Amino acid sequence: MTRDELTAMVRGCPFHRFLDLQLDDFDEEQGVVTLSLVAREEFSRSEDQVELHGGVIATLIDIAGDYAVALKTGCGVPTINMSVDYLRLARGAKAIATARIAKCGRSIAVVTIEVCDETGAKVAIGRGTYSSAVRA
């Protein structure tokens, strides 16, 4: 899959465009995708300063995991299950999610996802299970 193809997949979803997700990096062979989003006031849990709401972080985790699997399947895939461990508040102007496939079988894929803020501080760790049975 090329960068243009993966970018088109990400930008092809109205919700992803609303979030203004950016494809920062990917490695198709390793099954790794890095996506980021710029923190906006609408995504904040606080009126006083921009602190990303946990729901936005969970959304970023889910989407990054999905696209890691899409590198192998050629299309977006349904989420079966997901968990998130929040480590600290995400502060600053940007959140970056890196998703790595742990296992991609014929029917199930498992992905680990780390989210860092723009300072490099790890703010959350997620694990997603996706249906990999859907093939392009």
C-alpha atoms as a PDB file:
ATOM      1  CA  MET A   1       0.000   0.000   0.000  1.00  0.00           C
ATOM      2  CA  THR A   2       1.340   3.439  -0.838  1.00  0.00           C
ATOM      3  CA  ARG A   3       1.288   6.520   1.397  1.00  0.00           C
ATOM      4  CA  ASP A   4      -1.251   8.120  -0.952  1.00  0.00           C
ATOM      5  CA  GLU A   5      -3.543   5.074  -0.753  1.00  0.00           C
ATOM      6  CA  LEU A   6      -3.397   4.934   3.040  1.00  0.00           C
ATOM      7  CA  THR A   7      -3.868   8.694   3.330  1.00  0.00           C
ATOM      8  CA  ALA A   8      -6.909   8.451   1.032  1.00  0.00           C
ATOM      9  CA  MET A   9      -8.371   5.749   3.304  1.00  0.00           C
ATOM     10  CA  VAL A  10      -7.863   7.899   6.396  1.00  0.00           C
ATOM     11  CA  ARG A  11      -9.174  11.066   4.753  1.00  0.00           C
ATOM     12  CA  GLY A  12     -12.058   9.173   3.109  1.00  0.00           C
ATOM     13  CA  CYS A  13     -14.025   8.997   6.363  1.00  0.00           C
ATOM     14  CA  PRO A  14     -16.017  12.118   7.354  1.00  0.00           C
ATOM     15  CA  PHE A  15     -15.341  11.525  11.067  1.00  0.00           C
ATOM     16  CA  HIS A  16     -11.595  11.245  10.448  1.00  0.00           C
ATOM     17  CA  ARG A  17     -11.709  14.506   8.481  1.00  0.00           C
ATOM     18  CA  PHE A  18     -13.585  16.141  11.394  1.00  0.00           C
ATOM     19  CA  LEU A  19     -10.802  15.006  13.723  1.00  0.00           C
ATOM     20  CA  ASP A  20      -8.274  16.190  11.098  1.00  0.00           C
ATOM     21  CA  LEU A  21      -6.253  13.003  11.510  1.00  0.00           C
ATOM     22  CA  GLN A  22      -2.830  13.020   9.915  1.00  0.00           C
ATOM     23  CA  LEU A  23      -0.889  10.003   8.709  1.00  0.00           C
ATOM     24  CA  ASP A  24       2.595  10.599  10.095  1.00  0.00           C
ATOM     25  CA  ASP A  25       4.296   7.329   9.234  1.00  0.00           C
ATOM     26  CA  PHE A  26       3.700   3.665   8.410  1.00  0.00           C
ATOM     27  CA  ASP A  27       5.567   0.455   7.750  1.00  0.00           C
ATOM     28  CA  GLU A  28       3.461  -2.037   5.832  1.00  0.00           C
ATOM     29  CA  GLU A  29       5.867  -4.927   6.333  1.00  0.00           C
ATOM     30  CA  GLN A  30       5.953  -4.465  10.129  1.00  0.00           C
ATOM     31  CA  GLY A  31       2.263  -3.522  10.424  1.00  0.00           C
ATOM     32  CA  VAL A  32       2.972  -0.173  12.106  1.00  0.00           C
ATOM     33  CA  VAL A  33       0.955   3.030  11.656  1.00  0.00           C
ATOM     34  CA  THR A  34       1.455   6.419  13.307  1.00  0.00           C
ATOM     35  CA  LEU A  35      -1.444   8.876  13.259  1.00  0.00           C
ATOM     36  CA  SER A  36      -1.739  12.218  14.989  1.00  0.00           C
ATOM     37  CA  LEU A  37      -4.295  14.872  15.701  1.00  0.00           C
ATOM     38  CA  VAL A  38      -4.019  18.466  16.778  1.00  0.00           C
ATOM     39  CA  ALA A  39      -5.702  19.227  20.083  1.00  0.00           C
ATOM     40  CA  ARG A  40      -8.607  21.615  19.704  1.00  0.00           C
ATOM     41  CA  GLU A  41     -10.763  23.320  22.281  1.00  0.00           C
ATOM     42  CA  GLU A  42     -13.651  21.021  21.322  1.00  0.00           C
ATOM     43  CA  PHE A  43     -11.538  17.992  22.313  1.00  0.00           C
ATOM     44  CA  SER A  44     -10.643  19.324  25.756  1.00  0.00           C
ATOM     45  CA  ARG A  45     -11.855  18.105  29.125  1.00  0.00           C
ATOM     46  CA  SER A  46     -11.076  21.491  30.702  1.00  0.00           C
ATOM     47  CA  GLU A  47     -12.151  25.087  30.133  1.00  0.00           C
ATOM     48  CA  ASP A  48      -8.866  26.391  31.552  1.00  0.00           C
ATOM     49  CA  GLN A  49      -6.384  24.634  29.265  1.00  0.00           C
ATOM     50  CA  VAL A  50      -6.378  22.107  26.463  1.00  0.00           C
ATOM     51  CA  GLU A  51      -6.286  18.648  28.047  1.00  0.00           C
ATOM     52  CA  LEU A  52      -7.493  15.985  25.642  1.00  0.00           C
ATOM     53  CA  HIS A  53     -10.654  14.209  26.724  1.00  0.00           C
ATOM     54  CA  GLY A  54     -10.212  10.465  27.275  1.00  0.00           C
ATOM     55  CA  GLY A  55     -12.820   9.734  24.611  1.00  0.00           C
ATOM     56  CA  VAL A  56     -10.709  11.487  21.994  1.00  0.00           C
ATOM     57  CA  ILE A  57      -7.671   9.473  23.050  1.00  0.00           C
ATOM     58  CA  ALA A  58      -9.686   6.219  22.899  1.00  0.00           C
ATOM     59  CA  THR A  59     -10.933   7.184  19.442  1.00  0.00           C
ATOM     60  CA  LEU A  60      -7.385   7.832  18.256  1.00  0.00           C
ATOM     61  CA  ILE A  61      -6.318   4.439  19.644  1.00  0.00           C
ATOM     62  CA  ASP A  62      -9.156   2.626  17.864  1.00  0.00           C
ATOM     63  CA  ILE A  63      -8.557   4.319  14.523  1.00  0.00           C
ATOM     64  CA  ALA A  64      -4.774   3.812  14.605  1.00  0.00           C
ATOM     65  CA  GLY A  65      -5.270   0.119  15.390  1.00  0.00           C
ATOM     66  CA  ASP A  66      -7.743  -0.225  12.550  1.00  0.00           C
ATOM     67  CA  TYR A  67      -5.314   1.222  10.014  1.00  0.00           C
ATOM     68  CA  ALA A  68      -2.473  -1.007  11.187  1.00  0.00           C
ATOM     69  CA  VAL A  69      -4.682  -3.971  10.291  1.00  0.00           C
ATOM     70  CA  ALA A  70      -5.782  -2.265   7.064  1.00  0.00           C
ATOM     71  CA  LEU A  71      -2.155  -2.394   5.941  1.00  0.00           C
ATOM     72  CA  LYS A  72      -2.527  -6.196   5.897  1.00  0.00           C
ATOM     73  CA  THR A  73      -6.136  -6.498   4.699  1.00  0.00           C
ATOM     74  CA  GLY A  74      -6.263  -3.595   2.248  1.00  0.00           C
ATOM     75  CA  CYS A  75      -9.401  -2.125   3.815  1.00  0.00           C
ATOM     76  CA  GLY A  76     -10.818  -0.813   7.054  1.00  0.00           C
ATOM     77  CA  VAL A  77     -11.859  -3.499   9.512  1.00  0.00           C
ATOM     78  CA  PRO A  78     -14.446  -3.765  12.298  1.00  0.00           C
ATOM     79  CA  THR A  79     -13.349  -3.471  15.903  1.00  0.00           C
ATOM     80  CA  ILE A  80     -14.239  -6.480  18.039  1.00  0.00           C
ATOM     81  CA  ASN A  81     -12.883  -5.292  21.375  1.00  0.00           C
ATOM     82  CA  MET A  82     -10.690  -2.536  22.734  1.00  0.00           C
ATOM     83  CA  SER A  83      -9.141  -1.555  26.053  1.00  0.00           C
ATOM     84  CA  VAL A  84      -7.410   1.627  27.118  1.00  0.00           C
ATOM     85  CA  ASP A  85      -5.152   2.344  30.069  1.00  0.00           C
ATOM     86  CA  TYR A  86      -4.793   6.065  30.701  1.00  0.00           C
ATOM     87  CA  LEU A  87      -1.413   6.958  32.175  1.00  0.00           C
ATOM     88  CA  ARG A  88      -1.530  10.758  32.483  1.00  0.00           C
ATOM     89  CA  LEU A  89      -3.262  13.805  31.072  1.00  0.00           C
ATOM     90  CA  ALA A  90      -2.478  14.576  27.456  1.00  0.00           C
ATOM     91  CA  ARG A  91      -1.375  18.169  27.289  1.00  0.00           C
ATOM     92  CA  GLY A  92      -0.094  20.286  24.485  1.00  0.00           C
ATOM     93  CA  ALA A  93      -1.038  20.800  20.904  1.00  0.00           C
ATOM     94  CA  LYS A  94      -0.773  17.276  19.532  1.00  0.00           C
ATOM     95  CA  ALA A  95      -1.466  13.601  20.300  1.00  0.00           C
ATOM     96  CA  ILE A  96       0.419  10.886  18.428  1.00  0.00           C
ATOM     97  CA  ALA A  97      -0.716   7.243  18.272  1.00  0.00           C
ATOM     98  CA  THR A  98       1.571   4.453  17.119  1.00  0.00           C
ATOM     99  CA  ALA A  99      -0.142   1.138  16.415  1.00  0.00           C
ATOM    100  CA  ARG A 100       1.761  -2.142  16.053  1.00  0.00           C
ATOM    101  CA  ILE A 101       0.237  -5.424  14.975  1.00  0.00           C
ATOM    102  CA  ALA A 102       0.939  -8.119  17.547  1.00  0.00           C
ATOM    103  CA  LYS A 103      -0.804 -10.836  15.489  1.00  0.00           C
ATOM    104  CA  CYS A 104      -2.815 -10.775  12.286  1.00  0.00           C
ATOM    105  CA  GLY A 105      -4.483 -14.112  11.616  1.00  0.00           C
ATOM    106  CA  ARG A 106      -7.134 -15.167   9.102  1.00  0.00           C
ATOM    107  CA  SER A 107     -10.017 -13.949  11.248  1.00  0.00           C
ATOM    108  CA  ILE A 108      -8.652 -11.953  14.207  1.00  0.00           C
ATOM    109  CA  ALA A 109      -5.957  -9.293  14.510  1.00  0.00           C
ATOM    110  CA  VAL A 110      -4.548  -7.944  17.778  1.00  0.00           C
ATOM    111  CA  VAL A 111      -2.873  -4.547  17.877  1.00  0.00           C
ATOM    112  CA  THR A 112      -1.070  -2.620  20.613  1.00  0.00           C
ATOM    113  CA  ILE A 113      -1.273   1.155  20.474  1.00  0.00           C
ATOM    114  CA  GLU A 114       0.666   3.808  22.392  1.00  0.00           C
ATOM    115  CA  VAL A 115      -0.353   7.454  22.543  1.00  0.00           C
ATOM    116  CA  CYS A 116       2.119  10.200  23.384  1.00  0.00           C
ATOM    117  CA  ASP A 117       1.654  13.933  23.658  1.00  0.00           C
ATOM    118  CA  GLU A 118       3.846  16.371  21.785  1.00  0.00           C
ATOM    119  CA  THR A 119       6.463  16.304  24.574  1.00  0.00           C
ATOM    120  CA  GLY A 120       6.912  12.573  24.044  1.00  0.00           C
ATOM    121  CA  ALA A 121       5.222  11.672  27.330  1.00  0.00           C
ATOM    122  CA  LYS A 122       3.260   8.426  27.069  1.00  0.00           C
ATOM    123  CA  VAL A 123      -0.366   9.241  27.945  1.00  0.00           C
ATOM    124  CA  ALA A 124      -2.212   6.003  27.138  1.00  0.00           C
ATOM    125  CA  ILE A 125      -1.743   2.424  26.051  1.00  0.00           C
ATOM    126  CA  GLY A 126      -4.430   0.564  24.161  1.00  0.00           C
ATOM    127  CA  ARG A 127      -5.051  -2.885  22.817  1.00  0.00           C
ATOM    128  CA  GLY A 128      -7.505  -3.563  20.055  1.00  0.00           C
ATOM    129  CA  THR A 129      -8.920  -6.724  18.573  1.00  0.00           C
ATOM    130  CA  TYR A 130     -10.176  -6.426  15.009  1.00  0.00           C
ATOM    131  CA  SER A 131     -11.786  -8.715  12.463  1.00  0.00           C
ATOM    132  CA  SER A 132      -9.172  -9.468   9.831  1.00  0.00           C
ATOM    133  CA  ALA A 133     -11.536 -11.772   7.923  1.00  0.00           C
ATOM    134  CA  VAL A 134     -12.687  -8.840   5.798  1.00  0.00           C
ATOM    135  CA  ARG A 135     -10.418  -8.804   2.758  1.00  0.00           C
ATOM    136  CA  ALA A 136     -10.301  -6.264  -0.035  1.00  0.00           C
END
